[in-house]
Amino acid sequence: MKWKRTNTKIIVCPVGHINLVDDGEIPKFCYECGREIDYSPEAQSIRTCKRCGRPISRDLDKIKNGFMEEYKDTGLCIECWVKSNTPMLNILKARALEHAL
């Protein structure tokens, strides 16, 4: 799935499953586990990647349920951080190969 910022909203159930819904849709229960969804601002506050818009978290339980892992506290998922730092990573790979030989 290609992540774009559209009218699609991200709703999180109490377990941490991600439910993608259209703008006017308000599901009462989670699509995956069937638990009732809490729409309070505290329960629905999720961080998203600044670049691709995917939900990110540092909590390992949430990462299994559809979140991407956040790279340190940059606000970027790992994939976007790697894409934005490719030149630096290529230099580090070349230096590591020199030390290995």
PDB file of N, CA and C in Angstrom:
ATOM      1  N   MET A   1       0.840  -1.178   0.000  1.00  0.00           N
ATOM      2  CA  MET A   1       0.000   0.000   0.000  1.00  0.00           C
ATOM      3  C   MET A   1       0.881   1.235   0.000  1.00  0.00           C
ATOM      4  N   LYS A   2       0.531   2.173  -0.836  1.00  0.00           N
ATOM      5  CA  LYS A   2       1.272   3.413  -0.896  1.00  0.00           C
ATOM      6  C   LYS A   2       0.611   4.412   0.034  1.00  0.00           C
ATOM      7  N   TRP A   3       1.373   4.980   0.940  1.00  0.00           N
ATOM      8  CA  TRP A   3       0.822   5.887   1.937  1.00  0.00           C
ATOM      9  C   TRP A   3       0.836   7.303   1.398  1.00  0.00           C
ATOM     10  N   LYS A   4      -0.329   7.893   1.315  1.00  0.00           N
ATOM     11  CA  LYS A   4      -0.449   9.291   0.923  1.00  0.00           C
ATOM     12  C   LYS A   4      -1.380   9.973   1.898  1.00  0.00           C
ATOM     13  N   ARG A   5      -1.185  11.241   2.081  1.00  0.00           N
ATOM     14  CA  ARG A   5      -2.086  11.991   2.959  1.00  0.00           C
ATOM     15  C   ARG A   5      -3.320  12.373   2.149  1.00  0.00           C
ATOM     16  N   THR A   6      -4.422  11.716   2.457  1.00  0.00           N
ATOM     17  CA  THR A   6      -5.685  11.989   1.782  1.00  0.00           C
ATOM     18  C   THR A   6      -6.747  12.229   2.843  1.00  0.00           C
ATOM     19  N   ASN A   7      -7.994  12.008   2.480  1.00  0.00           N
ATOM     20  CA  ASN A   7      -9.084  12.162   3.430  1.00  0.00           C
ATOM     21  C   ASN A   7      -9.235  10.940   4.317  1.00  0.00           C
ATOM     22  N   THR A   8      -8.360   9.978   4.203  1.00  0.00           N
ATOM     23  CA  THR A   8      -8.416   8.778   5.026  1.00  0.00           C
ATOM     24  C   THR A   8      -7.901   9.100   6.421  1.00  0.00           C
ATOM     25  N   LYS A   9      -8.636   8.657   7.442  1.00  0.00           N
ATOM     26  CA  LYS A   9      -8.229   8.867   8.821  1.00  0.00           C
ATOM     27  C   LYS A   9      -7.674   7.574   9.399  1.00  0.00           C
ATOM     28  N   ILE A  10      -6.790   7.711  10.358  1.00  0.00           N
ATOM     29  CA  ILE A  10      -6.234   6.570  11.079  1.00  0.00           C
ATOM     30  C   ILE A  10      -6.881   6.531  12.447  1.00  0.00           C
ATOM     31  N   ILE A  11      -7.532   5.419  12.765  1.00  0.00           N
ATOM     32  CA  ILE A  11      -8.173   5.242  14.065  1.00  0.00           C
ATOM     33  C   ILE A  11      -7.529   4.028  14.727  1.00  0.00           C
ATOM     34  N   VAL A  12      -7.202   4.164  16.002  1.00  0.00           N
ATOM     35  CA  VAL A  12      -6.516   3.100  16.727  1.00  0.00           C
ATOM     36  C   VAL A  12      -7.464   2.507  17.764  1.00  0.00           C
ATOM     37  N   CYS A  13      -7.517   1.158  17.826  1.00  0.00           N
ATOM     38  CA  CYS A  13      -8.345   0.494  18.839  1.00  0.00           C
ATOM     39  C   CYS A  13      -7.541   0.387  20.144  1.00  0.00           C
ATOM     40  N   PRO A  14      -8.160  -0.020  21.251  1.00  0.00           N
ATOM     41  CA  PRO A  14      -7.437  -0.103  22.525  1.00  0.00           C
ATOM     42  C   PRO A  14      -6.247  -1.056  22.503  1.00  0.00           C
ATOM     43  N   VAL A  15      -6.282  -2.080  21.647  1.00  0.00           N
ATOM     44  CA  VAL A  15      -5.169  -3.021  21.554  1.00  0.00           C
ATOM     45  C   VAL A  15      -4.014  -2.412  20.777  1.00  0.00           C
ATOM     46  N   GLY A  16      -4.322  -1.502  19.840  1.00  0.00           N
ATOM     47  CA  GLY A  16      -3.288  -0.867  19.034  1.00  0.00           C
ATOM     48  C   GLY A  16      -3.411  -1.178  17.561  1.00  0.00           C
ATOM     49  N   HIS A  17      -4.476  -1.864  17.134  1.00  0.00           N
ATOM     50  CA  HIS A  17      -4.679  -2.126  15.713  1.00  0.00           C
ATOM     51  C   HIS A  17      -5.018  -0.825  14.995  1.00  0.00           C
ATOM     52  N   ILE A  18      -4.527  -0.692  13.780  1.00  0.00           N
ATOM     53  CA  ILE A  18      -4.774   0.496  12.977  1.00  0.00           C
ATOM     54  C   ILE A  18      -5.964   0.231  12.076  1.00  0.00           C
ATOM     55  N   ASN A  19      -6.927   1.132  12.076  1.00  0.00           N
ATOM     56  CA  ASN A  19      -8.088   1.059  11.197  1.00  0.00           C
ATOM     57  C   ASN A  19      -8.070   2.283  10.298  1.00  0.00           C
ATOM     58  N   LEU A  20      -7.973   2.071   8.980  1.00  0.00           N
ATOM     59  CA  LEU A  20      -8.021   3.166   8.027  1.00  0.00           C
ATOM     60  C   LEU A  20      -9.467   3.346   7.593  1.00  0.00           C
ATOM     61  N   VAL A  21     -10.013   4.517   7.790  1.00  0.00           N
ATOM     62  CA  VAL A  21     -11.415   4.777   7.452  1.00  0.00           C
ATOM     63  C   VAL A  21     -11.496   6.043   6.617  1.00  0.00           C
ATOM     64  N   ASP A  22     -12.552   6.121   5.794  1.00  0.00           N
ATOM     65  CA  ASP A  22     -12.794   7.329   5.009  1.00  0.00           C
ATOM     66  C   ASP A  22     -13.215   8.458   5.933  1.00  0.00           C
ATOM     67  N   ASP A  23     -13.215   9.657   5.418  1.00  0.00           N
ATOM     68  CA  ASP A  23     -13.409  10.846   6.237  1.00  0.00           C
ATOM     69  C   ASP A  23     -14.704  10.847   7.041  1.00  0.00           C
ATOM     70  N   GLY A  24     -15.823  10.440   6.482  1.00  0.00           N
ATOM     71  CA  GLY A  24     -17.086  10.502   7.201  1.00  0.00           C
ATOM     72  C   GLY A  24     -17.412   9.262   8.005  1.00  0.00           C
ATOM     73  N   GLU A  25     -16.661   8.202   7.851  1.00  0.00           N
ATOM     74  CA  GLU A  25     -16.948   6.920   8.495  1.00  0.00           C
ATOM     75  C   GLU A  25     -16.497   6.927   9.958  1.00  0.00           C
ATOM     76  N   ILE A  26     -17.347   6.409  10.852  1.00  0.00           N
ATOM     77  CA  ILE A  26     -17.011   6.323  12.277  1.00  0.00           C
ATOM     78  C   ILE A  26     -17.363   4.914  12.760  1.00  0.00           C
ATOM     79  N   PRO A  27     -16.411   3.969  12.663  1.00  0.00           N
ATOM     80  CA  PRO A  27     -16.728   2.605  13.123  1.00  0.00           C
ATOM     81  C   PRO A  27     -16.797   2.545  14.649  1.00  0.00           C
ATOM     82  N   LYS A  28     -17.697   1.724  15.152  1.00  0.00           N
ATOM     83  CA  LYS A  28     -17.846   1.588  16.597  1.00  0.00           C
ATOM     84  C   LYS A  28     -16.891   0.522  17.137  1.00  0.00           C
ATOM     85  N   PHE A  29     -16.557  -0.471  16.291  1.00  0.00           N
ATOM     86  CA  PHE A  29     -15.704  -1.576  16.723  1.00  0.00           C
ATOM     87  C   PHE A  29     -14.502  -1.706  15.792  1.00  0.00           C
ATOM     88  N   CYS A  30     -13.412  -2.265  16.313  1.00  0.00           N
ATOM     89  CA  CYS A  30     -12.189  -2.506  15.541  1.00  0.00           C
ATOM     90  C   CYS A  30     -12.458  -3.544  14.461  1.00  0.00           C
ATOM     91  N   TYR A  31     -11.900  -3.338  13.281  1.00  0.00           N
ATOM     92  CA  TYR A  31     -12.083  -4.281  12.185  1.00  0.00           C
ATOM     93  C   TYR A  31     -11.337  -5.592  12.426  1.00  0.00           C
ATOM     94  N   GLU A  32     -10.244  -5.555  13.191  1.00  0.00           N
ATOM     95  CA  GLU A  32      -9.434  -6.755  13.398  1.00  0.00           C
ATOM     96  C   GLU A  32      -9.833  -7.568  14.619  1.00  0.00           C
ATOM     97  N   CYS A  33     -10.001  -6.907  15.759  1.00  0.00           N
ATOM     98  CA  CYS A  33     -10.255  -7.662  16.994  1.00  0.00           C
ATOM     99  C   CYS A  33     -11.690  -7.541  17.495  1.00  0.00           C
ATOM    100  N   GLY A  34     -12.465  -6.590  16.993  1.00  0.00           N
ATOM    101  CA  GLY A  34     -13.855  -6.453  17.387  1.00  0.00           C
ATOM    102  C   GLY A  34     -14.080  -5.685  18.678  1.00  0.00           C
ATOM    103  N   ARG A  35     -13.036  -5.140  19.278  1.00  0.00           N
ATOM    104  CA  ARG A  35     -13.210  -4.370  20.516  1.00  0.00           C
ATOM    105  C   ARG A  35     -13.751  -2.977  20.204  1.00  0.00           C
ATOM    106  N   GLU A  36     -14.448  -2.404  21.182  1.00  0.00           N
ATOM    107  CA  GLU A  36     -15.021  -1.077  21.001  1.00  0.00           C
ATOM    108  C   GLU A  36     -13.912  -0.031  20.952  1.00  0.00           C
ATOM    109  N   ILE A  37     -14.046   0.921  20.058  1.00  0.00           N
ATOM    110  CA  ILE A  37     -13.029   1.950  19.864  1.00  0.00           C
ATOM    111  C   ILE A  37     -13.334   3.148  20.746  1.00  0.00           C
ATOM    112  N   ASP A  38     -12.317   3.635  21.433  1.00  0.00           N
ATOM    113  CA  ASP A  38     -12.421   4.812  22.285  1.00  0.00           C
ATOM    114  C   ASP A  38     -12.001   6.025  21.460  1.00  0.00           C
ATOM    115  N   TYR A  39     -12.897   6.983  21.277  1.00  0.00           N
ATOM    116  CA  TYR A  39     -12.608   8.155  20.452  1.00  0.00           C
ATOM    117  C   TYR A  39     -12.119   9.356  21.253  1.00  0.00           C
ATOM    118  N   SER A  40     -11.718   9.161  22.488  1.00  0.00           N
ATOM    119  CA  SER A  40     -11.203  10.286  23.264  1.00  0.00           C
ATOM    120  C   SER A  40      -9.869  10.753  22.655  1.00  0.00           C
ATOM    121  N   PRO A  41      -9.543  12.027  22.801  1.00  0.00           N
ATOM    122  CA  PRO A  41      -8.294  12.542  22.207  1.00  0.00           C
ATOM    123  C   PRO A  41      -7.039  11.823  22.715  1.00  0.00           C
ATOM    124  N   GLU A  42      -7.041  11.392  23.977  1.00  0.00           N
ATOM    125  CA  GLU A  42      -5.866  10.700  24.516  1.00  0.00           C
ATOM    126  C   GLU A  42      -5.680   9.341  23.845  1.00  0.00           C
ATOM    127  N   ALA A  43      -6.774   8.644  23.590  1.00  0.00           N
ATOM    128  CA  ALA A  43      -6.692   7.309  22.986  1.00  0.00           C
ATOM    129  C   ALA A  43      -6.368   7.378  21.506  1.00  0.00           C
ATOM    130  N   GLN A  44      -6.729   8.462  20.840  1.00  0.00           N
ATOM    131  CA  GLN A  44      -6.525   8.569  19.398  1.00  0.00           C
ATOM    132  C   GLN A  44      -5.302   9.392  19.009  1.00  0.00           C
ATOM    133  N   SER A  45      -4.496   9.792  19.962  1.00  0.00           N
ATOM    134  CA  SER A  45      -3.300  10.560  19.629  1.00  0.00           C
ATOM    135  C   SER A  45      -2.208   9.600  19.166  1.00  0.00           C
ATOM    136  N   ILE A  46      -1.902   9.669  17.882  1.00  0.00           N
ATOM    137  CA  ILE A  46      -0.854   8.824  17.301  1.00  0.00           C
ATOM    138  C   ILE A  46       0.104   9.713  16.525  1.00  0.00           C
ATOM    139  N   ARG A  47       1.343   9.329  16.542  1.00  0.00           N
ATOM    140  CA  ARG A  47       2.358  10.064  15.799  1.00  0.00           C
ATOM    141  C   ARG A  47       2.471   9.464  14.412  1.00  0.00           C
ATOM    142  N   THR A  48       2.679  10.301  13.418  1.00  0.00           N
ATOM    143  CA  THR A  48       2.861   9.829  12.055  1.00  0.00           C
ATOM    144  C   THR A  48       4.205  10.309  11.528  1.00  0.00           C
ATOM    145  N   CYS A  49       4.714   9.572  10.562  1.00  0.00           N
ATOM    146  CA  CYS A  49       5.988   9.928   9.933  1.00  0.00           C
ATOM    147  C   CYS A  49       5.823  11.267   9.223  1.00  0.00           C
ATOM    148  N   LYS A  50       6.797  12.141   9.380  1.00  0.00           N
ATOM    149  CA  LYS A  50       6.744  13.467   8.770  1.00  0.00           C
ATOM    150  C   LYS A  50       6.819  13.393   7.251  1.00  0.00           C
ATOM    151  N   ARG A  51       7.404  12.318   6.735  1.00  0.00           N
ATOM    152  CA  ARG A  51       7.624  12.234   5.300  1.00  0.00           C
ATOM    153  C   ARG A  51       6.547  11.432   4.576  1.00  0.00           C
ATOM    154  N   CYS A  52       6.193  10.243   5.087  1.00  0.00           N
ATOM    155  CA  CYS A  52       5.261   9.374   4.352  1.00  0.00           C
ATOM    156  C   CYS A  52       3.883   9.281   4.994  1.00  0.00           C
ATOM    157  N   GLY A  53       3.735   9.713   6.237  1.00  0.00           N
ATOM    158  CA  GLY A  53       2.433   9.709   6.879  1.00  0.00           C
ATOM    159  C   GLY A  53       2.037   8.410   7.555  1.00  0.00           C
ATOM    160  N   ARG A  54       2.917   7.420   7.597  1.00  0.00           N
ATOM    161  CA  ARG A  54       2.605   6.159   8.282  1.00  0.00           C
ATOM    162  C   ARG A  54       2.596   6.372   9.792  1.00  0.00           C
ATOM    163  N   PRO A  55       1.778   5.609  10.513  1.00  0.00           N
ATOM    164  CA  PRO A  55       1.817   5.715  11.969  1.00  0.00           C
ATOM    165  C   PRO A  55       3.133   5.148  12.502  1.00  0.00           C
ATOM    166  N   ILE A  56       3.773   5.856  13.430  1.00  0.00           N
ATOM    167  CA  ILE A  56       5.051   5.406  13.983  1.00  0.00           C
ATOM    168  C   ILE A  56       4.962   5.287  15.494  1.00  0.00           C
ATOM    169  N   SER A  57       5.812   4.425  16.040  1.00  0.00           N
ATOM    170  CA  SER A  57       5.850   4.227  17.482  1.00  0.00           C
ATOM    171  C   SER A  57       7.185   3.612  17.862  1.00  0.00           C
ATOM    172  N   ARG A  58       7.551   3.759  19.129  1.00  0.00           N
ATOM    173  CA  ARG A  58       8.749   3.109  19.664  1.00  0.00           C
ATOM    174  C   ARG A  58       8.353   1.900  20.499  1.00  0.00           C
ATOM    175  N   ASP A  59       7.057   1.698  20.735  1.00  0.00           N
ATOM    176  CA  ASP A  59       6.541   0.599  21.535  1.00  0.00           C
ATOM    177  C   ASP A  59       6.498  -0.669  20.686  1.00  0.00           C
ATOM    178  N   LEU A  60       7.181  -1.733  21.115  1.00  0.00           N
ATOM    179  CA  LEU A  60       7.251  -2.962  20.324  1.00  0.00           C
ATOM    180  C   LEU A  60       5.901  -3.634  20.150  1.00  0.00           C
ATOM    181  N   ASP A  61       5.000  -3.522  21.116  1.00  0.00           N
ATOM    182  CA  ASP A  61       3.672  -4.115  20.969  1.00  0.00           C
ATOM    183  C   ASP A  61       2.883  -3.443  19.852  1.00  0.00           C
ATOM    184  N   LYS A  62       3.036  -2.140  19.705  1.00  0.00           N
ATOM    185  CA  LYS A  62       2.324  -1.433  18.647  1.00  0.00           C
ATOM    186  C   LYS A  62       2.930  -1.710  17.280  1.00  0.00           C
ATOM    187  N   ILE A  63       4.239  -1.922  17.225  1.00  0.00           N
ATOM    188  CA  ILE A  63       4.899  -2.164  15.942  1.00  0.00           C
ATOM    189  C   ILE A  63       4.374  -3.442  15.306  1.00  0.00           C
ATOM    190  N   LYS A  64       4.030  -4.438  16.108  1.00  0.00           N
ATOM    191  CA  LYS A  64       3.455  -5.670  15.562  1.00  0.00           C
ATOM    192  C   LYS A  64       2.079  -5.428  14.973  1.00  0.00           C
ATOM    193  N   ASN A  65       1.368  -4.405  15.423  1.00  0.00           N
ATOM    194  CA  ASN A  65      -0.012  -4.174  15.032  1.00  0.00           C
ATOM    195  C   ASN A  65      -0.178  -3.141  13.921  1.00  0.00           C
ATOM    196  N   GLY A  66       0.821  -2.917  13.123  1.00  0.00           N
ATOM    197  CA  GLY A  66       0.680  -2.039  11.966  1.00  0.00           C
ATOM    198  C   GLY A  66       1.451  -0.742  12.021  1.00  0.00           C
ATOM    199  N   PHE A  67       2.045  -0.401  13.141  1.00  0.00           N
ATOM    200  CA  PHE A  67       2.859   0.799  13.230  1.00  0.00           C
ATOM    201  C   PHE A  67       4.237   0.517  12.653  1.00  0.00           C
ATOM    202  N   MET A  68       4.914   1.552  12.201  1.00  0.00           N
ATOM    203  CA  MET A  68       6.298   1.448  11.766  1.00  0.00           C
ATOM    204  C   MET A  68       7.179   1.897  12.923  1.00  0.00           C
ATOM    205  N   GLU A  69       8.401   1.404  12.954  1.00  0.00           N
ATOM    206  CA  GLU A  69       9.315   1.806  14.020  1.00  0.00           C
ATOM    207  C   GLU A  69       9.880   3.188  13.721  1.00  0.00           C
ATOM    208  N   GLU A  70       9.903   4.030  14.732  1.00  0.00           N
ATOM    209  CA  GLU A  70      10.442   5.369  14.591  1.00  0.00           C
ATOM    210  C   GLU A  70      11.952   5.328  14.785  1.00  0.00           C
ATOM    211  N   TYR A  71      12.694   6.055  13.945  1.00  0.00           N
ATOM    212  CA  TYR A  71      14.139   6.125  14.118  1.00  0.00           C
ATOM    213  C   TYR A  71      14.453   7.186  15.156  1.00  0.00           C
ATOM    214  N   LYS A  72      14.974   6.723  16.291  1.00  0.00           N
ATOM    215  CA  LYS A  72      15.274   7.579  17.441  1.00  0.00           C
ATOM    216  C   LYS A  72      14.093   8.501  17.699  1.00  0.00           C
ATOM    217  N   ASP A  73      14.291   9.782  17.820  1.00  0.00           N
ATOM    218  CA  ASP A  73      13.193  10.726  18.018  1.00  0.00           C
ATOM    219  C   ASP A  73      13.167  11.740  16.880  1.00  0.00           C
ATOM    220  N   THR A  74      13.366  11.254  15.664  1.00  0.00           N
ATOM    221  CA  THR A  74      13.416  12.138  14.506  1.00  0.00           C
ATOM    222  C   THR A  74      12.049  12.457  13.937  1.00  0.00           C
ATOM    223  N   GLY A  75      11.038  11.653  14.250  1.00  0.00           N
ATOM    224  CA  GLY A  75       9.723  11.841  13.651  1.00  0.00           C
ATOM    225  C   GLY A  75       9.612  11.163  12.297  1.00  0.00           C
ATOM    226  N   LEU A  76      10.624  10.344  11.937  1.00  0.00           N
ATOM    227  CA  LEU A  76      10.629   9.615  10.666  1.00  0.00           C
ATOM    228  C   LEU A  76      10.611   8.123  10.933  1.00  0.00           C
ATOM    229  N   CYS A  77       9.951   7.369  10.040  1.00  0.00           N
ATOM    230  CA  CYS A  77      10.041   5.912  10.148  1.00  0.00           C
ATOM    231  C   CYS A  77      11.423   5.494   9.640  1.00  0.00           C
ATOM    232  N   ILE A  78      11.804   4.260   9.903  1.00  0.00           N
ATOM    233  CA  ILE A  78      13.143   3.791   9.529  1.00  0.00           C
ATOM    234  C   ILE A  78      13.359   3.889   8.016  1.00  0.00           C
ATOM    235  N   GLU A  79      12.359   3.493   7.220  1.00  0.00           N
ATOM    236  CA  GLU A  79      12.504   3.517   5.765  1.00  0.00           C
ATOM    237  C   GLU A  79      12.758   4.932   5.250  1.00  0.00           C
ATOM    238  N   CYS A  80      12.009   5.909   5.743  1.00  0.00           N
ATOM    239  CA  CYS A  80      12.196   7.289   5.298  1.00  0.00           C
ATOM    240  C   CYS A  80      13.533   7.854   5.762  1.00  0.00           C
ATOM    241  N   TRP A  81      13.978   7.473   6.964  1.00  0.00           N
ATOM    242  CA  TRP A  81      15.266   7.943   7.441  1.00  0.00           C
ATOM    243  C   TRP A  81      16.385   7.394   6.564  1.00  0.00           C
ATOM    244  N   VAL A  82      16.285   6.124   6.187  1.00  0.00           N
ATOM    245  CA  VAL A  82      17.305   5.523   5.323  1.00  0.00           C
ATOM    246  C   VAL A  82      17.314   6.211   3.968  1.00  0.00           C
ATOM    247  N   LYS A  83      16.124   6.478   3.404  1.00  0.00           N
ATOM    248  CA  LYS A  83      16.053   7.147   2.104  1.00  0.00           C
ATOM    249  C   LYS A  83      16.649   8.546   2.164  1.00  0.00           C
ATOM    250  N   SER A  84      16.434   9.263   3.245  1.00  0.00           N
ATOM    251  CA  SER A  84      16.947  10.628   3.338  1.00  0.00           C
ATOM    252  C   SER A  84      18.430  10.688   3.698  1.00  0.00           C
ATOM    253  N   ASN A  85      19.001   9.592   4.186  1.00  0.00           N
ATOM    254  CA  ASN A  85      20.413   9.575   4.569  1.00  0.00           C
ATOM    255  C   ASN A  85      21.236   8.570   3.769  1.00  0.00           C
ATOM    256  N   THR A  86      20.806   8.268   2.561  1.00  0.00           N
ATOM    257  CA  THR A  86      21.502   7.280   1.727  1.00  0.00           C
ATOM    258  C   THR A  86      22.957   7.655   1.451  1.00  0.00           C
ATOM    259  N   PRO A  87      23.292   8.898   1.081  1.00  0.00           N
ATOM    260  CA  PRO A  87      24.707   9.217   0.822  1.00  0.00           C
ATOM    261  C   PRO A  87      25.606   8.951   2.033  1.00  0.00           C
ATOM    262  N   MET A  88      25.153   9.343   3.220  1.00  0.00           N
ATOM    263  CA  MET A  88      25.949   9.124   4.424  1.00  0.00           C
ATOM    264  C   MET A  88      26.109   7.624   4.692  1.00  0.00           C
ATOM    265  N   LEU A  89      25.052   6.839   4.471  1.00  0.00           N
ATOM    266  CA  LEU A  89      25.128   5.396   4.703  1.00  0.00           C
ATOM    267  C   LEU A  89      26.068   4.720   3.713  1.00  0.00           C
ATOM    268  N   ASN A  90      26.094   5.202   2.473  1.00  0.00           N
ATOM    269  CA  ASN A  90      27.025   4.635   1.491  1.00  0.00           C
ATOM    270  C   ASN A  90      28.475   4.898   1.881  1.00  0.00           C
ATOM    271  N   ILE A  91      28.753   6.076   2.407  1.00  0.00           N
ATOM    272  CA  ILE A  91      30.111   6.390   2.877  1.00  0.00           C
ATOM    273  C   ILE A  91      30.485   5.477   4.038  1.00  0.00           C
ATOM    274  N   LEU A  92      29.559   5.273   4.977  1.00  0.00           N
ATOM    275  CA  LEU A  92      29.837   4.406   6.121  1.00  0.00           C
ATOM    276  C   LEU A  92      30.058   2.959   5.683  1.00  0.00           C
ATOM    277  N   LYS A  93      29.317   2.496   4.674  1.00  0.00           N
ATOM    278  CA  LYS A  93      29.526   1.130   4.163  1.00  0.00           C
ATOM    279  C   LYS A  93      30.907   0.995   3.552  1.00  0.00           C
ATOM    280  N   ALA A  94      31.338   2.000   2.802  1.00  0.00           N
ATOM    281  CA  ALA A  94      32.665   1.954   2.177  1.00  0.00           C
ATOM    282  C   ALA A  94      33.759   1.939   3.244  1.00  0.00           C
ATOM    283  N   ARG A  95      33.611   2.723   4.300  1.00  0.00           N
ATOM    284  CA  ARG A  95      34.600   2.723   5.380  1.00  0.00           C
ATOM    285  C   ARG A  95      34.633   1.383   6.100  1.00  0.00           C
ATOM    286  N   ALA A  96      33.458   0.768   6.291  1.00  0.00           N
ATOM    287  CA  ALA A  96      33.407  -0.538   6.961  1.00  0.00           C
ATOM    288  C   ALA A  96      34.084  -1.601   6.114  1.00  0.00           C
ATOM    289  N   LEU A  97      33.917  -1.522   4.784  1.00  0.00           N
ATOM    290  CA  LEU A  97      34.590  -2.485   3.909  1.00  0.00           C
ATOM    291  C   LEU A  97      36.107  -2.305   3.949  1.00  0.00           C
ATOM    292  N   GLU A  98      36.579  -1.057   4.042  1.00  0.00           N
ATOM    293  CA  GLU A  98      38.018  -0.803   4.125  1.00  0.00           C
ATOM    294  C   GLU A  98      38.606  -1.397   5.397  1.00  0.00           C
ATOM    295  N   HIS A  99      37.872  -1.277   6.509  1.00  0.00           N
ATOM    296  CA  HIS A  99      38.356  -1.842   7.778  1.00  0.00           C
ATOM    297  C   HIS A  99      38.315  -3.359   7.767  1.00  0.00           C
ATOM    298  N   ALA A 100      37.401  -3.942   7.029  1.00  0.00           N
ATOM    299  CA  ALA A 100      37.267  -5.382   6.987  1.00  0.00           C
ATOM    300  C   ALA A 100      38.409  -6.024   6.223  1.00  0.00           C
ATOM    301  N   LEU A 101      38.970  -5.280   5.269  1.00  0.00           N
ATOM    302  CA  LEU A 101      40.053  -5.844   4.464  1.00  0.00           C
ATOM    303  C   LEU A 101      41.353  -5.636   5.086  1.00  0.00           C
TER     304      LEU A 101
END
